[in-house]
Amino acid sequence: MLRTRLFIVLSFLAATHGSVALASPLFTLDDPADFQAALDDGRITPMTTWDRTFELLYPGLESEFRPLQLSVDDDGLVLDFGEPNDDFFLIGGYTYTYPEDPDLTSTRVEKTINFAKTTIANSSLSVHLLDEAGKYKLYLVPVPAGSMAMDVSLDASGTAFIAHTDAGFDLKKVVAISYDLRIKGKATTRKLSVVPAPATLSLLTLGGLLAVRRRR
């Protein structure tokens, strides 16, 4: 009996110690001050070069790439290509780097974005998950024409909107999440978050994954 109780106590201590040591993958940025702090401390940085992830998502479109100029206004994180692009597409992105390596199992990666002008066909958003070994899981989400804003919620463990996954990618050791877009005009990120995934969520319900709002 004593041996059994000792085993239970030791198991509990090991479990709680392990949970304390793990970094939390959950975060929410939804206030201008939050975005400014993330820019100031280097958690959010612009993607400055065309890499293989862009080529996998947007093959042959390197000429459209521009490093984003990031700033914060009253609405959130402003995504500016640094030149007028009302008449042609440009591609750019930014990265959120975790202070420690979190486990994204059973989480959802979410984003709310506003567009400066109504989107047209072939506009898109993408999300890159990067693990500590340099391997990626890539999502590509089409933006419906006529959108002025969009909410995206992606199951980190799921398969919906997956464009590519490197062999050996480890969702338990993600070090960074990158967000990019192919649009005309500027955009503003209103919210970034990683939240727990509801256990009963059905990935077959497209309406539960994407909500597109149009200006009336």
Foldseek 3Di string as FASTA:
>chain_A
DVVVVVVVVVVVVVVVVVVVPADAPWDKDFFLVSQVVCVVVVQKDWDQADDVVNCLVPPPVRVQEATWDWDGDGQAIKTHRPDAFQPHKHKIKMKGFDPFFAQLAQKKKKWKKFFPDFWAPPKWKKKWWAFPVGWIWIFIGGDHGQFGMKMFIGRLPDDPRTSDGDPPDHNGGTGMMMMMIITHHMMHIRMTIMGGHPPPDDPVDVCVGMDTDHDD
